[in-house]
Amino acid sequence: MLDKALLASIAQQMMSSSTVNVNGKPVPVRRTSRHRLRTLPFTMDGREYEAIEQNPEKPSRWGELAREGHQVVQFKDAESNRQRR
């Protein structure tokens, strides 16, 4: 089961800081090389996940929200490569 409170906390910290506190451990926020989007790999319940800032250049509904100034973060299960928004 996903810990929605933890995911919300990670998203909020990731968009406003260069380090995120995940389960009491500081994890640095990185940037992608091409679009300079924020990313953060982390572990939750023994599984690897990655938080990714939404690319505002994408023509999707999520990209439109990012263009409007909303802070949109996607969460990807690194093992199965499935995304959750």
PDB file of N, CA and C in Angstrom:
ATOM      1  N   MET A   1       0.838  -1.188   0.000  1.00  0.00           N
ATOM      2  CA  MET A   1       0.000   0.000   0.000  1.00  0.00           C
ATOM      3  C   MET A   1       0.878   1.245   0.000  1.00  0.00           C
ATOM      4  N   LEU A   2       0.551   2.191  -0.831  1.00  0.00           N
ATOM      5  CA  LEU A   2       1.323   3.423  -0.915  1.00  0.00           C
ATOM      6  C   LEU A   2       1.009   4.331   0.264  1.00  0.00           C
ATOM      7  N   ASP A   3       2.043   4.925   0.828  1.00  0.00           N
ATOM      8  CA  ASP A   3       1.898   5.886   1.916  1.00  0.00           C
ATOM      9  C   ASP A   3       1.705   7.264   1.281  1.00  0.00           C
ATOM     10  N   LYS A   4       0.448   7.663   1.108  1.00  0.00           N
ATOM     11  CA  LYS A   4       0.136   8.910   0.408  1.00  0.00           C
ATOM     12  C   LYS A   4       0.685  10.130   1.123  1.00  0.00           C
ATOM     13  N   ALA A   5       0.717  10.100   2.450  1.00  0.00           N
ATOM     14  CA  ALA A   5       1.263  11.227   3.210  1.00  0.00           C
ATOM     15  C   ALA A   5       2.758  11.382   2.934  1.00  0.00           C
ATOM     16  N   LEU A   6       3.477  10.263   2.861  1.00  0.00           N
ATOM     17  CA  LEU A   6       4.911  10.310   2.563  1.00  0.00           C
ATOM     18  C   LEU A   6       5.135  10.820   1.142  1.00  0.00           C
ATOM     19  N   LEU A   7       4.344  10.344   0.187  1.00  0.00           N
ATOM     20  CA  LEU A   7       4.497  10.796  -1.196  1.00  0.00           C
ATOM     21  C   LEU A   7       4.229  12.294  -1.317  1.00  0.00           C
ATOM     22  N   ALA A   8       3.199  12.786  -0.642  1.00  0.00           N
ATOM     23  CA  ALA A   8       2.887  14.221  -0.667  1.00  0.00           C
ATOM     24  C   ALA A   8       4.025  15.023  -0.058  1.00  0.00           C
ATOM     25  N   SER A   9       4.591  14.528   1.032  1.00  0.00           N
ATOM     26  CA  SER A   9       5.703  15.207   1.685  1.00  0.00           C
ATOM     27  C   SER A   9       6.928  15.247   0.771  1.00  0.00           C
ATOM     28  N   ILE A  10       7.212  14.138   0.115  1.00  0.00           N
ATOM     29  CA  ILE A  10       8.351  14.073  -0.811  1.00  0.00           C
ATOM     30  C   ILE A  10       8.154  15.066  -1.946  1.00  0.00           C
ATOM     31  N   ALA A  11       6.965  15.109  -2.538  1.00  0.00           N
ATOM     32  CA  ALA A  11       6.686  16.013  -3.656  1.00  0.00           C
ATOM     33  C   ALA A  11       6.853  17.466  -3.228  1.00  0.00           C
ATOM     34  N   GLN A  12       6.317  17.806  -2.082  1.00  0.00           N
ATOM     35  CA  GLN A  12       6.401  19.188  -1.598  1.00  0.00           C
ATOM     36  C   GLN A  12       7.848  19.585  -1.313  1.00  0.00           C
ATOM     37  N   GLN A  13       8.591  18.729  -0.632  1.00  0.00           N
ATOM     38  CA  GLN A  13       9.993  19.022  -0.316  1.00  0.00           C
ATOM     39  C   GLN A  13      10.843  19.093  -1.588  1.00  0.00           C
ATOM     40  N   MET A  14      10.567  18.182  -2.527  1.00  0.00           N
ATOM     41  CA  MET A  14      11.357  18.099  -3.749  1.00  0.00           C
ATOM     42  C   MET A  14      11.254  19.389  -4.565  1.00  0.00           C
ATOM     43  N   MET A  15      10.081  20.004  -4.591  1.00  0.00           N
ATOM     44  CA  MET A  15       9.869  21.193  -5.395  1.00  0.00           C
ATOM     45  C   MET A  15      10.405  22.461  -4.733  1.00  0.00           C
ATOM     46  N   SER A  16      10.770  22.377  -3.447  1.00  0.00           N
ATOM     47  CA  SER A  16      11.200  23.592  -2.751  1.00  0.00           C
ATOM     48  C   SER A  16      12.581  23.490  -2.105  1.00  0.00           C
ATOM     49  N   SER A  17      13.258  22.361  -2.239  1.00  0.00           N
ATOM     50  CA  SER A  17      14.534  22.182  -1.554  1.00  0.00           C
ATOM     51  C   SER A  17      15.477  21.327  -2.393  1.00  0.00           C
ATOM     52  N   SER A  18      16.750  21.376  -2.067  1.00  0.00           N
ATOM     53  CA  SER A  18      17.726  20.555  -2.791  1.00  0.00           C
ATOM     54  C   SER A  18      17.966  19.214  -2.097  1.00  0.00           C
ATOM     55  N   THR A  19      17.366  19.038  -0.903  1.00  0.00           N
ATOM     56  CA  THR A  19      17.474  17.788  -0.161  1.00  0.00           C
ATOM     57  C   THR A  19      16.106  17.446   0.413  1.00  0.00           C
ATOM     58  N   VAL A  20      15.733  16.175   0.342  1.00  0.00           N
ATOM     59  CA  VAL A  20      14.447  15.713   0.847  1.00  0.00           C
ATOM     60  C   VAL A  20      14.687  14.727   1.979  1.00  0.00           C
ATOM     61  N   ASN A  21      13.929  14.858   3.051  1.00  0.00           N
ATOM     62  CA  ASN A  21      14.007  13.946   4.176  1.00  0.00           C
ATOM     63  C   ASN A  21      13.030  12.792   3.924  1.00  0.00           C
ATOM     64  N   VAL A  22      13.559  11.593   3.656  1.00  0.00           N
ATOM     65  CA  VAL A  22      12.738  10.410   3.394  1.00  0.00           C
ATOM     66  C   VAL A  22      12.994   9.416   4.524  1.00  0.00           C
ATOM     67  N   ASN A  23      11.988   9.209   5.355  1.00  0.00           N
ATOM     68  CA  ASN A  23      12.103   8.289   6.491  1.00  0.00           C
ATOM     69  C   ASN A  23      13.317   8.596   7.366  1.00  0.00           C
ATOM     70  N   GLY A  24      13.561   9.884   7.610  1.00  0.00           N
ATOM     71  CA  GLY A  24      14.647  10.292   8.479  1.00  0.00           C
ATOM     72  C   GLY A  24      16.010  10.366   7.828  1.00  0.00           C
ATOM     73  N   LYS A  25      16.090  10.081   6.534  1.00  0.00           N
ATOM     74  CA  LYS A  25      17.370  10.125   5.815  1.00  0.00           C
ATOM     75  C   LYS A  25      17.336  11.228   4.760  1.00  0.00           C
ATOM     76  N   PRO A  26      18.376  12.066   4.718  1.00  0.00           N
ATOM     77  CA  PRO A  26      18.411  13.099   3.677  1.00  0.00           C
ATOM     78  C   PRO A  26      18.798  12.495   2.324  1.00  0.00           C
ATOM     79  N   VAL A  27      18.019  12.839   1.295  1.00  0.00           N
ATOM     80  CA  VAL A  27      18.280  12.349  -0.063  1.00  0.00           C
ATOM     81  C   VAL A  27      18.383  13.569  -0.975  1.00  0.00           C
ATOM     82  N   PRO A  28      19.488  13.701  -1.734  1.00  0.00           N
ATOM     83  CA  PRO A  28      19.647  14.882  -2.596  1.00  0.00           C
ATOM     84  C   PRO A  28      18.728  14.824  -3.820  1.00  0.00           C
ATOM     85  N   VAL A  29      18.189  15.982  -4.190  1.00  0.00           N
ATOM     86  CA  VAL A  29      17.377  16.120  -5.394  1.00  0.00           C
ATOM     87  C   VAL A  29      18.339  16.345  -6.549  1.00  0.00           C
ATOM     88  N   ARG A  30      18.175  15.550  -7.606  1.00  0.00           N
ATOM     89  CA  ARG A  30      19.027  15.691  -8.790  1.00  0.00           C
ATOM     90  C   ARG A  30      18.225  16.337  -9.908  1.00  0.00           C
ATOM     91  N   ARG A  31      18.919  16.714 -10.956  1.00  0.00           N
ATOM     92  CA  ARG A  31      18.279  17.286 -12.144  1.00  0.00           C
ATOM     93  C   ARG A  31      18.624  16.425 -13.352  1.00  0.00           C
ATOM     94  N   THR A  32      17.653  16.262 -14.260  1.00  0.00           N
ATOM     95  CA  THR A  32      17.931  15.526 -15.491  1.00  0.00           C
ATOM     96  C   THR A  32      18.837  16.363 -16.375  1.00  0.00           C
ATOM     97  N   SER A  33      19.608  15.717 -17.206  1.00  0.00           N
ATOM     98  CA  SER A  33      20.582  16.439 -18.030  1.00  0.00           C
ATOM     99  C   SER A  33      19.924  17.222 -19.159  1.00  0.00           C
ATOM    100  N   ARG A  34      18.876  16.708 -19.718  1.00  0.00           N
ATOM    101  CA  ARG A  34      18.304  17.345 -20.900  1.00  0.00           C
ATOM    102  C   ARG A  34      17.362  18.500 -20.584  1.00  0.00           C
ATOM    103  N   HIS A  35      16.367  18.278 -19.738  1.00  0.00           N
ATOM    104  CA  HIS A  35      15.355  19.302 -19.462  1.00  0.00           C
ATOM    105  C   HIS A  35      15.511  19.950 -18.097  1.00  0.00           C
ATOM    106  N   ARG A  36      16.497  19.503 -17.328  1.00  0.00           N
ATOM    107  CA  ARG A  36      16.768  20.044 -15.997  1.00  0.00           C
ATOM    108  C   ARG A  36      15.583  19.878 -15.049  1.00  0.00           C
ATOM    109  N   LEU A  37      14.842  18.776 -15.199  1.00  0.00           N
ATOM    110  CA  LEU A  37      13.721  18.474 -14.322  1.00  0.00           C
ATOM    111  C   LEU A  37      14.241  17.844 -13.035  1.00  0.00           C
ATOM    112  N   ARG A  38      13.563  18.107 -11.931  1.00  0.00           N
ATOM    113  CA  ARG A  38      13.968  17.539 -10.642  1.00  0.00           C
ATOM    114  C   ARG A  38      13.600  16.053 -10.583  1.00  0.00           C
ATOM    115  N   THR A  39      14.505  15.245 -10.045  1.00  0.00           N
ATOM    116  CA  THR A  39      14.240  13.821  -9.833  1.00  0.00           C
ATOM    117  C   THR A  39      14.768  13.415  -8.463  1.00  0.00           C
ATOM    118  N   LEU A  40      14.165  12.372  -7.920  1.00  0.00           N
ATOM    119  CA  LEU A  40      14.568  11.908  -6.598  1.00  0.00           C
ATOM    120  C   LEU A  40      14.316  10.411  -6.483  1.00  0.00           C
ATOM    121  N   PRO A  41      15.367   9.594  -6.441  1.00  0.00           N
ATOM    122  CA  PRO A  41      15.170   8.161  -6.192  1.00  0.00           C
ATOM    123  C   PRO A  41      15.020   7.942  -4.685  1.00  0.00           C
ATOM    124  N   PHE A  42      14.101   7.056  -4.283  1.00  0.00           N
ATOM    125  CA  PHE A  42      13.911   6.770  -2.859  1.00  0.00           C
ATOM    126  C   PHE A  42      13.335   5.374  -2.688  1.00  0.00           C
ATOM    127  N   THR A  43      13.402   4.882  -1.463  1.00  0.00           N
ATOM    128  CA  THR A  43      12.882   3.559  -1.129  1.00  0.00           C
ATOM    129  C   THR A  43      11.713   3.720  -0.176  1.00  0.00           C
ATOM    130  N   MET A  44      10.641   2.969  -0.445  1.00  0.00           N
ATOM    131  CA  MET A  44       9.470   2.978   0.424  1.00  0.00           C
ATOM    132  C   MET A  44       8.964   1.543   0.520  1.00  0.00           C
ATOM    133  N   ASP A  45       8.860   1.042   1.730  1.00  0.00           N
ATOM    134  CA  ASP A  45       8.404  -0.333   1.967  1.00  0.00           C
ATOM    135  C   ASP A  45       9.234  -1.361   1.205  1.00  0.00           C
ATOM    136  N   GLY A  46      10.541  -1.120   1.121  1.00  0.00           N
ATOM    137  CA  GLY A  46      11.430  -2.071   0.474  1.00  0.00           C
ATOM    138  C   GLY A  46      11.435  -2.024  -1.039  1.00  0.00           C
ATOM    139  N   ARG A  47      10.694  -1.113  -1.641  1.00  0.00           N
ATOM    140  CA  ARG A  47      10.658  -0.984  -3.106  1.00  0.00           C
ATOM    141  C   ARG A  47      11.304   0.322  -3.516  1.00  0.00           C
ATOM    142  N   GLU A  48      11.907   0.314  -4.694  1.00  0.00           N
ATOM    143  CA  GLU A  48      12.560   1.499  -5.237  1.00  0.00           C
ATOM    144  C   GLU A  48      11.560   2.301  -6.065  1.00  0.00           C
ATOM    145  N   TYR A  49      11.517   3.602  -5.804  1.00  0.00           N
ATOM    146  CA  TYR A  49      10.653   4.524  -6.538  1.00  0.00           C
ATOM    147  C   TYR A  49      11.487   5.707  -7.001  1.00  0.00           C
ATOM    148  N   GLU A  50      10.925   6.466  -7.934  1.00  0.00           N
ATOM    149  CA  GLU A  50      11.560   7.699  -8.375  1.00  0.00           C
ATOM    150  C   GLU A  50      10.476   8.760  -8.526  1.00  0.00           C
ATOM    151  N   ALA A  51      10.715   9.924  -7.920  1.00  0.00           N
ATOM    152  CA  ALA A  51       9.827  11.075  -8.070  1.00  0.00           C
ATOM    153  C   ALA A  51      10.402  11.932  -9.196  1.00  0.00           C
ATOM    154  N   ILE A  52       9.526  12.374 -10.111  1.00  0.00           N
ATOM    155  CA  ILE A  52       9.966  13.126 -11.280  1.00  0.00           C
ATOM    156  C   ILE A  52       9.062  14.341 -11.460  1.00  0.00           C
ATOM    157  N   GLU A  53       9.666  15.517 -11.581  1.00  0.00           N
ATOM    158  CA  GLU A  53       8.913  16.740 -11.850  1.00  0.00           C
ATOM    159  C   GLU A  53       8.299  16.642 -13.248  1.00  0.00           C
ATOM    160  N   GLN A  54       7.053  17.102 -13.400  1.00  0.00           N
ATOM    161  CA  GLN A  54       6.379  17.054 -14.696  1.00  0.00           C
ATOM    162  C   GLN A  54       7.013  18.037 -15.674  1.00  0.00           C
ATOM    163  N   ASN A  55       7.262  17.584 -16.890  1.00  0.00           N
ATOM    164  CA  ASN A  55       7.802  18.427 -17.955  1.00  0.00           C
ATOM    165  C   ASN A  55       6.677  19.320 -18.488  1.00  0.00           C
ATOM    166  N   PRO A  56       6.790  20.647 -18.327  1.00  0.00           N
ATOM    167  CA  PRO A  56       5.726  21.540 -18.791  1.00  0.00           C
ATOM    168  C   PRO A  56       5.617  21.618 -20.312  1.00  0.00           C
ATOM    169  N   GLU A  57       6.606  21.120 -21.031  1.00  0.00           N
ATOM    170  CA  GLU A  57       6.568  21.155 -22.497  1.00  0.00           C
ATOM    171  C   GLU A  57       5.723  20.033 -23.089  1.00  0.00           C
ATOM    172  N   LYS A  58       5.314  19.071 -22.290  1.00  0.00           N
ATOM    173  CA  LYS A  58       4.513  17.950 -22.787  1.00  0.00           C
ATOM    174  C   LYS A  58       3.086  18.427 -23.077  1.00  0.00           C
ATOM    175  N   PRO A  59       2.472  17.912 -24.145  1.00  0.00           N
ATOM    176  CA  PRO A  59       1.129  18.364 -24.522  1.00  0.00           C
ATOM    177  C   PRO A  59       0.004  17.635 -23.781  1.00  0.00           C
ATOM    178  N   SER A  60       0.294  17.091 -22.619  1.00  0.00           N
ATOM    179  CA  SER A  60      -0.722  16.364 -21.860  1.00  0.00           C
ATOM    180  C   SER A  60      -1.440  17.295 -20.882  1.00  0.00           C
ATOM    181  N   ARG A  61      -2.451  16.767 -20.236  1.00  0.00           N
ATOM    182  CA  ARG A  61      -3.167  17.514 -19.206  1.00  0.00           C
ATOM    183  C   ARG A  61      -2.215  17.888 -18.075  1.00  0.00           C
ATOM    184  N   TRP A  62      -1.308  16.959 -17.729  1.00  0.00           N
ATOM    185  CA  TRP A  62      -0.345  17.200 -16.654  1.00  0.00           C
ATOM    186  C   TRP A  62       0.647  18.278 -17.058  1.00  0.00           C
ATOM    187  N   GLY A  63       1.076  18.283 -18.317  1.00  0.00           N
ATOM    188  CA  GLY A  63       1.963  19.325 -18.826  1.00  0.00           C
ATOM    189  C   GLY A  63       1.285  20.679 -18.811  1.00  0.00           C
ATOM    190  N   GLU A  64      -0.016  20.686 -19.137  1.00  0.00           N
ATOM    191  CA  GLU A  64      -0.775  21.938 -19.105  1.00  0.00           C
ATOM    192  C   GLU A  64      -0.843  22.501 -17.678  1.00  0.00           C
ATOM    193  N   LEU A  65      -1.067  21.624 -16.706  1.00  0.00           N
ATOM    194  CA  LEU A  65      -1.093  22.075 -15.318  1.00  0.00           C
ATOM    195  C   LEU A  65       0.268  22.654 -14.916  1.00  0.00           C
ATOM    196  N   ALA A  66       1.355  22.007 -15.341  1.00  0.00           N
ATOM    197  CA  ALA A  66       2.696  22.508 -15.031  1.00  0.00           C
ATOM    198  C   ALA A  66       2.935  23.862 -15.690  1.00  0.00           C
ATOM    199  N   ARG A  67       2.456  24.045 -16.925  1.00  0.00           N
ATOM    200  CA  ARG A  67       2.596  25.336 -17.607  1.00  0.00           C
ATOM    201  C   ARG A  67       1.828  26.428 -16.883  1.00  0.00           C
ATOM    202  N   GLU A  68       0.709  26.067 -16.261  1.00  0.00           N
ATOM    203  CA  GLU A  68      -0.110  27.036 -15.521  1.00  0.00           C
ATOM    204  C   GLU A  68       0.496  27.389 -14.166  1.00  0.00           C
ATOM    205  N   GLY A  69       1.607  26.732 -13.809  1.00  0.00           N
ATOM    206  CA  GLY A  69       2.276  27.049 -12.557  1.00  0.00           C
ATOM    207  C   GLY A  69       2.052  26.055 -11.439  1.00  0.00           C
ATOM    208  N   HIS A  70       1.261  25.016 -11.688  1.00  0.00           N
ATOM    209  CA  HIS A  70       1.053  23.983 -10.672  1.00  0.00           C
ATOM    210  C   HIS A  70       2.319  23.132 -10.560  1.00  0.00           C
ATOM    211  N   GLN A  71       2.584  22.639  -9.379  1.00  0.00           N
ATOM    212  CA  GLN A  71       3.737  21.773  -9.169  1.00  0.00           C
ATOM    213  C   GLN A  71       3.256  20.325  -9.254  1.00  0.00           C
ATOM    214  N   VAL A  72       3.565  19.680 -10.366  1.00  0.00           N
ATOM    215  CA  VAL A  72       3.106  18.323 -10.639  1.00  0.00           C
ATOM    216  C   VAL A  72       4.311  17.381 -10.542  1.00  0.00           C
ATOM    217  N   VAL A  73       4.157  16.328  -9.748  1.00  0.00           N
ATOM    218  CA  VAL A  73       5.218  15.343  -9.579  1.00  0.00           C
ATOM    219  C   VAL A  73       4.654  13.967  -9.898  1.00  0.00           C
ATOM    220  N   GLN A  74       5.373  13.205 -10.702  1.00  0.00           N
ATOM    221  CA  GLN A  74       5.012  11.825 -11.006  1.00  0.00           C
ATOM    222  C   GLN A  74       5.859  10.907 -10.133  1.00  0.00           C
ATOM    223  N   PHE A  75       5.285   9.779  -9.751  1.00  0.00           N
ATOM    224  CA  PHE A  75       6.022   8.777  -8.997  1.00  0.00           C
ATOM    225  C   PHE A  75       6.084   7.514  -9.830  1.00  0.00           C
ATOM    226  N   LYS A  76       7.304   7.012 -10.023  1.00  0.00           N
ATOM    227  CA  LYS A  76       7.502   5.836 -10.857  1.00  0.00           C
ATOM    228  C   LYS A  76       8.045   4.706  -9.998  1.00  0.00           C
ATOM    229  N   ASP A  77       7.424   3.544 -10.104  1.00  0.00           N
ATOM    230  CA  ASP A  77       7.945   2.333  -9.469  1.00  0.00           C
ATOM    231  C   ASP A  77       9.133   1.902 -10.323  1.00  0.00           C
ATOM    232  N   ALA A  78      10.329   1.997  -9.776  1.00  0.00           N
ATOM    233  CA  ALA A  78      11.541   1.732 -10.558  1.00  0.00           C
ATOM    234  C   ALA A  78      11.642   0.270 -10.977  1.00  0.00           C
ATOM    235  N   GLU A  79      11.061  -0.650 -10.220  1.00  0.00           N
ATOM    236  CA  GLU A  79      11.140  -2.072 -10.553  1.00  0.00           C
ATOM    237  C   GLU A  79      10.229  -2.439 -11.718  1.00  0.00           C
ATOM    238  N   SER A  80       8.995  -1.950 -11.704  1.00  0.00           N
ATOM    239  CA  SER A  80       8.059  -2.288 -12.775  1.00  0.00           C
ATOM    240  C   SER A  80       7.976  -1.220 -13.844  1.00  0.00           C
ATOM    241  N   ASN A  81       8.585  -0.038 -13.580  1.00  0.00           N
ATOM    242  CA  ASN A  81       8.581   1.106 -14.507  1.00  0.00           C
ATOM    243  C   ASN A  81       7.178   1.678 -14.725  1.00  0.00           C
ATOM    244  N   ARG A  82       6.275   1.484 -13.763  1.00  0.00           N
ATOM    245  CA  ARG A  82       4.923   2.043 -13.840  1.00  0.00           C
ATOM    246  C   ARG A  82       4.891   3.400 -13.174  1.00  0.00           C
ATOM    247  N   GLN A  83       4.144   4.341 -13.769  1.00  0.00           N
ATOM    248  CA  GLN A  83       4.058   5.688 -13.210  1.00  0.00           C
ATOM    249  C   GLN A  83       2.754   5.883 -12.467  1.00  0.00           C
ATOM    250  N   ARG A  84       2.831   6.697 -11.411  1.00  0.00           N
ATOM    251  CA  ARG A  84       1.656   7.103 -10.639  1.00  0.00           C
ATOM    252  C   ARG A  84       1.748   8.600 -10.473  1.00  0.00           C
ATOM    253  N   ARG A  85       0.641   9.316 -10.685  1.00  0.00           N
ATOM    254  CA  ARG A  85       0.650  10.777 -10.541  1.00  0.00           C
ATOM    255  C   ARG A  85      -0.089  11.168  -9.312  1.00  0.00           C
TER     256      ARG A  85
END
